[in-house]
Amino acid sequence: MLHRHPAFWEHPEQFDPERFTPARAVGRPRFAHFPFGGGPRRCIGQNLAMLEMLTVLAMMAQAYEFHLVPAHPVEPEALITLRPRHGLLMTLCHR
């Protein structure tokens, strides 16, 4: 219910990946979205789900070519690891 609560999400029943952008997350409570739960009742399948996600990404990399969106800024951001400050916007083309 939390992940579809109208107090936290605009159009909660609609598929909208853009709702997780930093600009739209401003003011949203920290734990309005935690898909695997937390604490002692955390989902036991979390590690498997993350591994499956990496497998799907590897399969996509074999089937598609990834191209950076032309004018999108790529700036490094040094946190615990080095990552792109504004994400990496890509387009996909069949190989």
Protein backbone atom coordinates (compact mmCIF):
# COMPACT_ATOMS: atom_id res chain seq x y z
CA MET A 1 0.00 0.00 0.00
CA LEU A 2 2.84 2.41 0.76
CA HIS A 3 4.16 2.34 -2.80
CA ARG A 4 0.74 3.38 -4.15
CA HIS A 5 -0.25 5.85 -1.44
CA PRO A 6 -1.59 9.07 -3.02
CA ALA A 7 -0.08 11.20 -0.24
CA PHE A 8 3.41 10.32 -1.51
CA TRP A 9 2.94 9.72 -5.25
CA GLU A 10 1.32 11.64 -8.10
CA HIS A 11 -0.86 9.22 -10.09
CA PRO A 12 0.13 6.24 -7.90
CA GLU A 13 -1.38 3.58 -10.17
CA GLN A 14 0.42 4.82 -13.30
CA PHE A 15 3.82 3.49 -14.49
CA ASP A 16 6.13 6.50 -14.23
CA PRO A 17 9.87 5.84 -13.79
CA GLU A 18 10.49 9.60 -13.81
CA ARG A 19 8.97 9.81 -10.32
CA PHE A 20 12.32 8.64 -8.95
CA THR A 21 14.32 11.54 -10.37
CA PRO A 22 15.95 13.70 -7.69
CA ALA A 23 13.89 16.75 -8.68
CA ARG A 24 10.60 14.93 -8.10
CA ALA A 25 11.79 13.23 -4.90
CA VAL A 26 12.27 16.53 -3.06
CA GLY A 27 10.01 16.61 -0.02
CA ARG A 28 9.07 12.91 -0.22
CA PRO A 29 9.72 10.97 3.00
CA ARG A 30 12.89 8.86 2.89
CA PHE A 31 11.09 5.53 3.24
CA ALA A 32 8.15 6.22 0.93
CA HIS A 33 9.77 3.66 -1.40
CA PHE A 34 11.69 0.65 -0.15
CA PRO A 35 10.83 -2.29 -2.41
CA PHE A 36 12.55 -5.01 -0.37
CA GLY A 37 11.40 -3.85 3.04
CA GLY A 38 13.82 -3.46 5.91
CA GLY A 39 14.93 -4.77 9.24
CA PRO A 40 14.41 -8.37 10.31
CA ARG A 41 11.51 -8.82 7.86
CA ARG A 42 13.47 -7.70 4.80
CA CYS A 43 12.75 -9.71 1.67
CA ILE A 44 14.90 -12.86 1.55
CA GLY A 45 14.92 -12.62 -2.25
CA GLN A 46 16.63 -9.21 -2.41
CA ASN A 47 20.07 -10.60 -3.32
CA LEU A 48 18.58 -12.90 -5.96
CA ALA A 49 16.57 -10.04 -7.47
CA MET A 50 19.68 -7.85 -7.70
CA LEU A 51 21.64 -10.69 -9.32
CA GLU A 52 18.82 -11.27 -11.83
CA MET A 53 18.86 -7.55 -12.65
CA LEU A 54 22.57 -7.76 -13.50
CA THR A 55 21.92 -10.83 -15.66
CA VAL A 56 19.16 -9.04 -17.59
CA LEU A 57 21.45 -6.04 -18.10
CA ALA A 58 24.22 -8.31 -19.43
CA MET A 59 21.75 -9.96 -21.84
CA MET A 60 20.55 -6.55 -23.04
CA ALA A 61 24.16 -5.48 -23.64
CA GLN A 62 24.59 -8.49 -25.92
CA ALA A 63 21.44 -7.75 -27.95
CA TYR A 64 21.57 -3.94 -28.14
CA GLU A 65 24.01 -1.13 -28.68
CA PHE A 66 23.83 1.66 -26.13
CA HIS A 67 24.38 5.22 -27.38
CA LEU A 68 24.61 8.31 -25.20
CA VAL A 69 21.91 10.90 -25.82
CA PRO A 70 23.77 13.72 -27.67
CA ALA A 71 23.68 16.90 -25.49
CA HIS A 72 23.28 15.14 -22.14
CA PRO A 73 26.05 16.26 -19.74
CA VAL A 74 28.38 13.59 -18.41
CA GLU A 75 30.10 14.83 -15.25
CA PRO A 76 31.78 12.58 -12.68
CA GLU A 77 30.59 12.72 -9.08
CA ALA A 78 32.89 11.27 -6.43
CA LEU A 79 30.91 9.63 -3.65
CA ILE A 80 31.84 6.23 -2.24
CA THR A 81 32.30 5.23 -5.88
CA LEU A 82 32.67 7.39 -8.97
CA ARG A 83 29.37 7.82 -10.81
CA PRO A 84 27.80 10.17 -13.37
CA ARG A 85 26.29 13.23 -11.63
CA HIS A 86 23.23 13.44 -13.93
CA GLY A 87 22.92 9.76 -14.82
CA LEU A 88 23.54 8.41 -18.31
CA LEU A 89 20.69 8.88 -20.75
CA MET A 90 20.92 6.26 -23.51
CA THR A 91 19.13 5.14 -26.62
CA LEU A 92 19.10 1.48 -27.65
CA CYS A 93 19.59 0.04 -31.14
CA HIS A 94 19.40 -3.63 -32.14
CA ARG A 95 22.81 -5.09 -32.93
